[in-house]
Amino acid sequence: MTTEITGIALAVSAGLALGAVFFGGLWWTVRRRLSSDLAGLWFTGSFFVRTAIVLTGFYFAAHSDWRRMAGCLAGFLCARLIVVRCTRLAEDA
């Protein structure tokens, strides 16, 4: 029982980290686009790199367990809320 809870907690932590990388990378890409002539290349390349990182991370964090996958997804979605809030605060300041 303790091992399952630890595994799920680690999956949630991994989801938070992966979400921070994904949505932080998206925010960085959008800001980078403002000073680039190759906006389409930036968005496409960034999308594929961010998606590859997240899918690989989900694969290793879940270990073929649906509870860990759900925990990882929950952490990922919580990271989205945190990144949106932090980027809004950074833009307001």
N, C-alpha and C. Protein backbone atom coordinates (compact mmCIF):
# COMPACT_ATOMS: atom_id res chain seq x y z
N MET A 1 0.82 -1.19 0.00
CA MET A 1 0.00 0.00 0.00
C MET A 1 0.86 1.26 0.00
N THR A 2 1.88 1.26 0.85
CA THR A 2 2.77 2.43 0.91
C THR A 2 3.53 2.60 -0.39
N THR A 3 3.91 1.50 -1.01
CA THR A 3 4.64 1.56 -2.27
C THR A 3 3.76 2.14 -3.37
N GLU A 4 2.48 1.77 -3.38
CA GLU A 4 1.56 2.32 -4.38
C GLU A 4 1.38 3.82 -4.21
N ILE A 5 1.22 4.25 -2.97
CA ILE A 5 1.04 5.68 -2.71
C ILE A 5 2.30 6.45 -3.09
N THR A 6 3.46 5.89 -2.78
CA THR A 6 4.72 6.53 -3.14
C THR A 6 4.85 6.62 -4.66
N GLY A 7 4.49 5.57 -5.36
CA GLY A 7 4.56 5.57 -6.82
C GLY A 7 3.63 6.61 -7.43
N ILE A 8 2.43 6.72 -6.88
CA ILE A 8 1.49 7.72 -7.40
C ILE A 8 1.97 9.13 -7.07
N ALA A 9 2.52 9.32 -5.88
CA ALA A 9 3.04 10.65 -5.51
C ALA A 9 4.21 11.04 -6.43
N LEU A 10 5.06 10.09 -6.74
CA LEU A 10 6.16 10.38 -7.67
C LEU A 10 5.63 10.68 -9.07
N ALA A 11 4.57 10.00 -9.47
CA ALA A 11 3.97 10.26 -10.78
C ALA A 11 3.36 11.66 -10.83
N VAL A 12 2.71 12.07 -9.74
CA VAL A 12 2.15 13.43 -9.68
C VAL A 12 3.28 14.45 -9.76
N SER A 13 4.37 14.20 -9.04
CA SER A 13 5.53 15.10 -9.10
C SER A 13 6.12 15.16 -10.51
N ALA A 14 6.21 14.02 -11.14
CA ALA A 14 6.71 13.98 -12.52
C ALA A 14 5.77 14.75 -13.44
N GLY A 15 4.46 14.61 -13.23
CA GLY A 15 3.49 15.35 -14.03
C GLY A 15 3.62 16.85 -13.85
N LEU A 16 3.87 17.28 -12.61
CA LEU A 16 4.09 18.70 -12.36
C LEU A 16 5.32 19.21 -13.11
N ALA A 17 6.40 18.43 -13.03
CA ALA A 17 7.63 18.84 -13.73
C ALA A 17 7.43 18.85 -15.24
N LEU A 18 6.77 17.82 -15.78
CA LEU A 18 6.54 17.76 -17.22
C LEU A 18 5.62 18.89 -17.67
N GLY A 19 4.61 19.20 -16.87
CA GLY A 19 3.72 20.31 -17.21
C GLY A 19 4.46 21.63 -17.19
N ALA A 20 5.35 21.80 -16.22
CA ALA A 20 6.14 23.04 -16.17
C ALA A 20 7.02 23.18 -17.40
N VAL A 21 7.62 22.07 -17.82
CA VAL A 21 8.45 22.09 -19.03
C VAL A 21 7.60 22.39 -20.26
N PHE A 22 6.46 21.71 -20.38
CA PHE A 22 5.62 21.87 -21.56
C PHE A 22 5.05 23.28 -21.66
N PHE A 23 4.38 23.73 -20.62
CA PHE A 23 3.72 25.03 -20.69
C PHE A 23 4.70 26.19 -20.53
N GLY A 24 5.76 25.98 -19.78
CA GLY A 24 6.82 26.99 -19.72
C GLY A 24 7.50 27.13 -21.08
N GLY A 25 7.71 26.01 -21.75
CA GLY A 25 8.29 26.05 -23.09
C GLY A 25 7.37 26.72 -24.09
N LEU A 26 6.08 26.50 -23.93
CA LEU A 26 5.11 27.18 -24.80
C LEU A 26 5.15 28.68 -24.59
N TRP A 27 5.20 29.10 -23.34
CA TRP A 27 5.27 30.53 -23.03
C TRP A 27 6.56 31.13 -23.60
N TRP A 28 7.68 30.41 -23.45
CA TRP A 28 8.95 30.89 -23.98
C TRP A 28 8.89 31.00 -25.50
N THR A 29 8.26 30.03 -26.17
CA THR A 29 8.14 30.04 -27.63
C THR A 29 7.31 31.23 -28.09
N VAL A 30 6.22 31.48 -27.43
CA VAL A 30 5.38 32.62 -27.81
C VAL A 30 6.15 33.92 -27.65
N ARG A 31 6.89 34.06 -26.57
CA ARG A 31 7.69 35.28 -26.37
C ARG A 31 8.82 35.38 -27.39
N ARG A 32 9.41 34.27 -27.76
CA ARG A 32 10.50 34.25 -28.74
C ARG A 32 9.99 34.62 -30.14
N ARG A 33 8.76 34.24 -30.44
CA ARG A 33 8.18 34.51 -31.75
C ARG A 33 8.13 36.00 -32.05
N LEU A 34 7.99 36.80 -31.02
CA LEU A 34 7.87 38.24 -31.23
C LEU A 34 9.11 38.85 -31.88
N SER A 35 10.26 38.23 -31.69
CA SER A 35 11.49 38.79 -32.25
C SER A 35 12.08 37.93 -33.37
N SER A 36 11.29 37.05 -33.97
CA SER A 36 11.82 36.14 -34.98
C SER A 36 11.03 36.26 -36.28
N ASP A 37 11.73 36.07 -37.38
CA ASP A 37 11.09 36.05 -38.69
C ASP A 37 10.58 34.65 -39.04
N LEU A 38 11.02 33.64 -38.29
CA LEU A 38 10.66 32.25 -38.58
C LEU A 38 9.70 31.72 -37.51
N ALA A 39 8.57 32.40 -37.35
CA ALA A 39 7.63 32.05 -36.28
C ALA A 39 7.06 30.64 -36.46
N GLY A 40 6.73 30.28 -37.69
CA GLY A 40 6.17 28.94 -37.93
C GLY A 40 7.15 27.84 -37.58
N LEU A 41 8.40 28.04 -37.89
CA LEU A 41 9.43 27.06 -37.56
C LEU A 41 9.58 26.93 -36.05
N TRP A 42 9.56 28.06 -35.35
CA TRP A 42 9.67 28.04 -33.89
C TRP A 42 8.51 27.26 -33.27
N PHE A 43 7.28 27.56 -33.72
CA PHE A 43 6.12 26.89 -33.14
C PHE A 43 6.12 25.40 -33.45
N THR A 44 6.42 25.03 -34.67
CA THR A 44 6.42 23.62 -35.06
C THR A 44 7.51 22.85 -34.33
N GLY A 45 8.71 23.37 -34.35
CA GLY A 45 9.82 22.70 -33.67
C GLY A 45 9.59 22.59 -32.17
N SER A 46 9.12 23.66 -31.58
CA SER A 46 8.85 23.66 -30.15
C SER A 46 7.76 22.66 -29.79
N PHE A 47 6.72 22.59 -30.61
CA PHE A 47 5.64 21.64 -30.35
C PHE A 47 6.15 20.21 -30.35
N PHE A 48 6.93 19.85 -31.35
CA PHE A 48 7.42 18.47 -31.44
C PHE A 48 8.39 18.14 -30.31
N VAL A 49 9.25 19.07 -29.95
CA VAL A 49 10.20 18.81 -28.86
C VAL A 49 9.46 18.69 -27.53
N ARG A 50 8.55 19.62 -27.24
CA ARG A 50 7.80 19.59 -25.98
C ARG A 50 6.95 18.32 -25.89
N THR A 51 6.30 17.95 -26.99
CA THR A 51 5.46 16.76 -26.98
C THR A 51 6.29 15.49 -26.79
N ALA A 52 7.43 15.42 -27.43
CA ALA A 52 8.31 14.25 -27.26
C ALA A 52 8.78 14.12 -25.81
N ILE A 53 9.14 15.24 -25.20
CA ILE A 53 9.58 15.21 -23.80
C ILE A 53 8.45 14.73 -22.89
N VAL A 54 7.26 15.27 -23.10
CA VAL A 54 6.13 14.92 -22.23
C VAL A 54 5.71 13.46 -22.43
N LEU A 55 5.62 13.00 -23.65
CA LEU A 55 5.23 11.60 -23.89
C LEU A 55 6.25 10.62 -23.32
N THR A 56 7.52 10.93 -23.47
CA THR A 56 8.56 10.08 -22.89
C THR A 56 8.48 10.09 -21.37
N GLY A 57 8.27 11.26 -20.81
CA GLY A 57 8.14 11.36 -19.36
C GLY A 57 6.94 10.61 -18.83
N PHE A 58 5.80 10.73 -19.51
CA PHE A 58 4.60 10.00 -19.10
C PHE A 58 4.85 8.49 -19.18
N TYR A 59 5.52 8.05 -20.21
CA TYR A 59 5.78 6.62 -20.39
C TYR A 59 6.59 6.07 -19.21
N PHE A 60 7.65 6.78 -18.84
CA PHE A 60 8.50 6.30 -17.76
C PHE A 60 7.87 6.53 -16.39
N ALA A 61 7.09 7.57 -16.21
CA ALA A 61 6.47 7.84 -14.91
C ALA A 61 5.32 6.89 -14.63
N ALA A 62 4.60 6.47 -15.65
CA ALA A 62 3.40 5.65 -15.44
C ALA A 62 3.73 4.18 -15.18
N HIS A 63 4.77 3.65 -15.75
CA HIS A 63 5.13 2.24 -15.59
C HIS A 63 3.95 1.30 -15.86
N SER A 64 3.18 1.60 -16.87
CA SER A 64 2.03 0.78 -17.29
C SER A 64 0.97 0.61 -16.20
N ASP A 65 0.81 1.61 -15.36
CA ASP A 65 -0.19 1.58 -14.31
C ASP A 65 -1.14 2.75 -14.51
N TRP A 66 -2.43 2.48 -14.61
CA TRP A 66 -3.39 3.53 -14.91
C TRP A 66 -3.47 4.56 -13.78
N ARG A 67 -3.23 4.13 -12.53
CA ARG A 67 -3.28 5.08 -11.41
C ARG A 67 -2.13 6.06 -11.48
N ARG A 68 -0.97 5.57 -11.85
CA ARG A 68 0.18 6.47 -12.01
C ARG A 68 -0.02 7.39 -13.21
N MET A 69 -0.61 6.87 -14.26
CA MET A 69 -0.89 7.70 -15.44
C MET A 69 -1.88 8.81 -15.07
N ALA A 70 -2.91 8.46 -14.31
CA ALA A 70 -3.88 9.47 -13.87
C ALA A 70 -3.23 10.50 -12.95
N GLY A 71 -2.34 10.05 -12.07
CA GLY A 71 -1.62 10.97 -11.20
C GLY A 71 -0.71 11.90 -11.99
N CYS A 72 -0.06 11.34 -12.98
CA CYS A 72 0.83 12.14 -13.84
C CYS A 72 0.02 13.18 -14.61
N LEU A 73 -1.13 12.78 -15.11
CA LEU A 73 -1.99 13.72 -15.83
C LEU A 73 -2.52 14.80 -14.90
N ALA A 74 -2.88 14.44 -13.67
CA ALA A 74 -3.36 15.43 -12.70
C ALA A 74 -2.25 16.44 -12.39
N GLY A 75 -1.04 15.97 -12.20
CA GLY A 75 0.08 16.87 -11.96
C GLY A 75 0.34 17.77 -13.16
N PHE A 76 0.22 17.21 -14.36
CA PHE A 76 0.41 17.98 -15.59
C PHE A 76 -0.61 19.12 -15.68
N LEU A 77 -1.86 18.81 -15.38
CA LEU A 77 -2.91 19.83 -15.45
C LEU A 77 -2.76 20.87 -14.34
N CYS A 78 -2.31 20.46 -13.17
CA CYS A 78 -2.04 21.43 -12.10
C CYS A 78 -0.89 22.36 -12.48
N ALA A 79 0.09 21.81 -13.15
CA ALA A 79 1.22 22.64 -13.61
C ALA A 79 0.75 23.68 -14.60
N ARG A 80 -0.23 23.34 -15.40
CA ARG A 80 -0.79 24.31 -16.35
C ARG A 80 -1.37 25.50 -15.59
N LEU A 81 -2.13 25.23 -14.56
CA LEU A 81 -2.72 26.31 -13.77
C LEU A 81 -1.64 27.17 -13.12
N ILE A 82 -0.60 26.53 -12.61
CA ILE A 82 0.49 27.26 -11.95
C ILE A 82 1.24 28.12 -12.95
N VAL A 83 1.57 27.58 -14.11
CA VAL A 83 2.32 28.34 -15.12
C VAL A 83 1.49 29.51 -15.64
N VAL A 84 0.19 29.29 -15.86
CA VAL A 84 -0.67 30.39 -16.33
C VAL A 84 -0.71 31.50 -15.29
N ARG A 85 -0.85 31.14 -14.03
CA ARG A 85 -0.88 32.15 -12.98
C ARG A 85 0.45 32.90 -12.88
N CYS A 86 1.55 32.17 -12.92
CA CYS A 86 2.88 32.80 -12.81
C CYS A 86 3.18 33.71 -13.99
N THR A 87 2.79 33.29 -15.19
CA THR A 87 3.08 34.13 -16.36
C THR A 87 2.20 35.37 -16.37
N ARG A 88 0.99 35.27 -15.87
CA ARG A 88 0.14 36.46 -15.77
C ARG A 88 0.70 37.44 -14.76
N LEU A 89 1.19 36.93 -13.63
CA LEU A 89 1.79 37.80 -12.62
C LEU A 89 3.05 38.46 -13.17
N ALA A 90 3.84 37.73 -13.97
CA ALA A 90 5.06 38.28 -14.54
C ALA A 90 4.73 39.37 -15.56
N GLU A 91 3.67 39.21 -16.32
CA GLU A 91 3.30 40.21 -17.30
C GLU A 91 2.70 41.44 -16.65
N ASP A 92 2.01 41.28 -15.51
CA ASP A 92 1.40 42.41 -14.83
C ASP A 92 2.43 43.28 -14.12
N ALA A 93 3.56 42.66 -13.73
CA ALA A 93 4.58 43.40 -12.97
C ALA A 93 5.43 44.29 -13.83
